[in-house]
Amino acid sequence: MGFKIDVKSIDDLQKMLKDLEESEDPTTFNEWANRIANTAKQICNDPDCKRIKINETDQGRINFEFADKEAIDCVIQSIQRLLTKMPGAQQEIFKRLKTEFETKKAQY
């Protein structure tokens, strides 16, 4: 299996290596999930966590729970705000999650 890396400078290479290293660390995903949840709670004015809940399972996975359609929308907005600040691998994960949340919102 091969892959291509297009590097314009040593800084680009260092950033790519750092992103790759962080993407392998499960705590990095959890940190971003928590940032997204906290930002969403601010957007929804939900400081008591009644509308948006985030739970870590035994397997280290994260589950989002929503009280209503607007809460889902707040998480979608939060992902959009934070997406460009994440390492590349995390961006791909949260893009997929955003699509899943958009589908869930449409079914709500």
C-alpha atoms as a PDB file:
ATOM      1  CA  MET A   1       0.000   0.000   0.000  1.00  0.00           C
ATOM      2  CA  GLY A   2       1.448   3.368  -0.947  1.00  0.00           C
ATOM      3  CA  PHE A   3       0.469   6.955  -0.606  1.00  0.00           C
ATOM      4  CA  LYS A   4       1.618  10.268  -1.999  1.00  0.00           C
ATOM      5  CA  ILE A   5       2.607  13.289   0.043  1.00  0.00           C
ATOM      6  CA  ASP A   6       2.800  16.659  -1.684  1.00  0.00           C
ATOM      7  CA  VAL A   7       5.130  18.835   0.380  1.00  0.00           C
ATOM      8  CA  LYS A   8       5.951  22.435  -0.480  1.00  0.00           C
ATOM      9  CA  SER A   9       8.222  23.109   2.485  1.00  0.00           C
ATOM     10  CA  ILE A  10       9.753  21.517   5.545  1.00  0.00           C
ATOM     11  CA  ASP A  11       7.028  23.225   7.625  1.00  0.00           C
ATOM     12  CA  ASP A  12       4.369  21.400   5.599  1.00  0.00           C
ATOM     13  CA  LEU A  13       6.127  18.099   6.204  1.00  0.00           C
ATOM     14  CA  GLN A  14       6.394  18.736   9.935  1.00  0.00           C
ATOM     15  CA  LYS A  15       2.695  19.664  10.122  1.00  0.00           C
ATOM     16  CA  MET A  16       1.715  16.505   8.194  1.00  0.00           C
ATOM     17  CA  LEU A  17       3.797  14.319  10.511  1.00  0.00           C
ATOM     18  CA  LYS A  18       2.298  15.981  13.585  1.00  0.00           C
ATOM     19  CA  ASP A  19      -1.239  15.534  12.184  1.00  0.00           C
ATOM     20  CA  LEU A  20      -0.526  11.877  11.449  1.00  0.00           C
ATOM     21  CA  GLU A  21       0.872  11.322  14.938  1.00  0.00           C
ATOM     22  CA  GLU A  22      -2.133  13.012  16.577  1.00  0.00           C
ATOM     23  CA  SER A  23      -4.626  11.105  14.425  1.00  0.00           C
ATOM     24  CA  GLU A  24      -3.369   7.813  15.880  1.00  0.00           C
ATOM     25  CA  ASP A  25      -3.948   9.001  19.438  1.00  0.00           C
ATOM     26  CA  PRO A  26      -7.491   8.209  20.650  1.00  0.00           C
ATOM     27  CA  THR A  27      -7.321  11.000  23.221  1.00  0.00           C
ATOM     28  CA  THR A  28      -7.004  13.505  20.363  1.00  0.00           C
ATOM     29  CA  PHE A  29     -10.401  12.420  19.020  1.00  0.00           C
ATOM     30  CA  ASN A  30     -11.944  12.627  22.483  1.00  0.00           C
ATOM     31  CA  GLU A  31     -10.475  16.096  23.033  1.00  0.00           C
ATOM     32  CA  TRP A  32     -12.011  17.336  19.774  1.00  0.00           C
ATOM     33  CA  ALA A  33     -15.331  15.661  20.548  1.00  0.00           C
ATOM     34  CA  ASN A  34     -15.405  17.453  23.893  1.00  0.00           C
ATOM     35  CA  ARG A  35     -14.503  20.784  22.259  1.00  0.00           C
ATOM     36  CA  ILE A  36     -17.323  20.296  19.772  1.00  0.00           C
ATOM     37  CA  ALA A  37     -19.782  19.414  22.528  1.00  0.00           C
ATOM     38  CA  ASN A  38     -18.763  22.419  24.638  1.00  0.00           C
ATOM     39  CA  THR A  39     -19.029  24.794  21.685  1.00  0.00           C
ATOM     40  CA  ALA A  40     -22.418  23.326  20.756  1.00  0.00           C
ATOM     41  CA  LYS A  41     -23.635  23.832  24.328  1.00  0.00           C
ATOM     42  CA  GLN A  42     -22.632  27.486  24.087  1.00  0.00           C
ATOM     43  CA  ILE A  43     -24.420  27.875  20.740  1.00  0.00           C
ATOM     44  CA  CYS A  44     -27.567  26.239  22.185  1.00  0.00           C
ATOM     45  CA  ASN A  45     -27.275  27.988  25.553  1.00  0.00           C
ATOM     46  CA  ASP A  46     -27.185  24.580  27.266  1.00  0.00           C
ATOM     47  CA  PRO A  47     -24.737  24.983  30.191  1.00  0.00           C
ATOM     48  CA  ASP A  48     -26.565  22.331  32.254  1.00  0.00           C
ATOM     49  CA  CYS A  49     -26.151  19.695  29.512  1.00  0.00           C
ATOM     50  CA  LYS A  50     -29.867  19.013  29.285  1.00  0.00           C
ATOM     51  CA  ARG A  51     -30.086  19.146  25.486  1.00  0.00           C
ATOM     52  CA  ILE A  52     -26.668  17.882  24.389  1.00  0.00           C
ATOM     53  CA  LYS A  53     -24.906  15.063  26.200  1.00  0.00           C
ATOM     54  CA  ILE A  54     -21.630  13.417  25.377  1.00  0.00           C
ATOM     55  CA  ASN A  55     -20.788  10.046  26.920  1.00  0.00           C
ATOM     56  CA  GLU A  56     -17.670   7.929  26.674  1.00  0.00           C
ATOM     57  CA  THR A  57     -18.331   4.204  26.374  1.00  0.00           C
ATOM     58  CA  ASP A  58     -16.253   1.369  27.832  1.00  0.00           C
ATOM     59  CA  GLN A  59     -14.527   0.927  24.483  1.00  0.00           C
ATOM     60  CA  GLY A  60     -13.336   4.544  24.504  1.00  0.00           C
ATOM     61  CA  ARG A  61     -15.930   5.609  21.954  1.00  0.00           C
ATOM     62  CA  ILE A  62     -17.939   8.806  22.220  1.00  0.00           C
ATOM     63  CA  ASN A  63     -21.736   8.972  21.986  1.00  0.00           C
ATOM     64  CA  PHE A  64     -23.650  12.187  21.434  1.00  0.00           C
ATOM     65  CA  GLU A  65     -27.225  12.364  22.738  1.00  0.00           C
ATOM     66  CA  PHE A  66     -29.637  15.070  21.602  1.00  0.00           C
ATOM     67  CA  ALA A  67     -32.854  16.280  23.210  1.00  0.00           C
ATOM     68  CA  ASP A  68     -34.218  17.886  20.053  1.00  0.00           C
ATOM     69  CA  LYS A  69     -33.567  18.861  16.437  1.00  0.00           C
ATOM     70  CA  GLU A  70     -32.105  22.245  17.392  1.00  0.00           C
ATOM     71  CA  ALA A  71     -29.507  20.535  19.603  1.00  0.00           C
ATOM     72  CA  ILE A  72     -28.362  18.456  16.615  1.00  0.00           C
ATOM     73  CA  ASP A  73     -28.072  21.671  14.598  1.00  0.00           C
ATOM     74  CA  CYS A  74     -25.907  23.235  17.329  1.00  0.00           C
ATOM     75  CA  VAL A  75     -23.469  20.303  17.101  1.00  0.00           C
ATOM     76  CA  ILE A  76     -23.406  20.597  13.298  1.00  0.00           C
ATOM     77  CA  GLN A  77     -22.607  24.324  13.605  1.00  0.00           C
ATOM     78  CA  SER A  78     -19.921  23.554  16.169  1.00  0.00           C
ATOM     79  CA  ILE A  79     -18.248  21.035  13.863  1.00  0.00           C
ATOM     80  CA  GLN A  80     -18.305  23.596  11.048  1.00  0.00           C
ATOM     81  CA  ARG A  81     -16.651  26.206  13.281  1.00  0.00           C
ATOM     82  CA  LEU A  82     -13.891  23.922  14.532  1.00  0.00           C
ATOM     83  CA  LEU A  83     -13.234  21.767  11.468  1.00  0.00           C
ATOM     84  CA  THR A  84     -10.345  23.776  10.029  1.00  0.00           C
ATOM     85  CA  LYS A  85      -8.561  23.856  13.392  1.00  0.00           C
ATOM     86  CA  MET A  86      -8.375  20.047  13.652  1.00  0.00           C
ATOM     87  CA  PRO A  87      -5.617  17.762  12.421  1.00  0.00           C
ATOM     88  CA  GLY A  88      -6.393  16.361   8.949  1.00  0.00           C
ATOM     89  CA  ALA A  89      -7.406  12.882  10.065  1.00  0.00           C
ATOM     90  CA  GLN A  90      -9.759  14.307  12.685  1.00  0.00           C
ATOM     91  CA  GLN A  91     -11.296  16.570  10.032  1.00  0.00           C
ATOM     92  CA  GLU A  92     -12.238  13.532   7.963  1.00  0.00           C
ATOM     93  CA  ILE A  93     -13.820  11.798  10.949  1.00  0.00           C
ATOM     94  CA  PHE A  94     -15.855  14.845  11.951  1.00  0.00           C
ATOM     95  CA  LYS A  95     -16.926  15.532   8.351  1.00  0.00           C
ATOM     96  CA  ARG A  96     -18.472  12.049   8.331  1.00  0.00           C
ATOM     97  CA  LEU A  97     -20.057  12.627  11.735  1.00  0.00           C
ATOM     98  CA  LYS A  98     -21.478  15.940  10.530  1.00  0.00           C
ATOM     99  CA  THR A  99     -23.094  14.121   7.590  1.00  0.00           C
ATOM    100  CA  GLU A 100     -24.533  11.509   9.973  1.00  0.00           C
ATOM    101  CA  PHE A 101     -25.907  14.249  12.243  1.00  0.00           C
ATOM    102  CA  GLU A 102     -27.456  16.036   9.252  1.00  0.00           C
ATOM    103  CA  THR A 103     -29.207  12.777   8.309  1.00  0.00           C
ATOM    104  CA  LYS A 104     -30.380  12.283  11.893  1.00  0.00           C
ATOM    105  CA  LYS A 105     -31.661  15.878  12.016  1.00  0.00           C
ATOM    106  CA  ALA A 106     -33.654  15.346   8.813  1.00  0.00           C
ATOM    107  CA  GLN A 107     -35.255  12.223  10.315  1.00  0.00           C
ATOM    108  CA  TYR A 108     -36.074  13.881  13.651  1.00  0.00           C
END
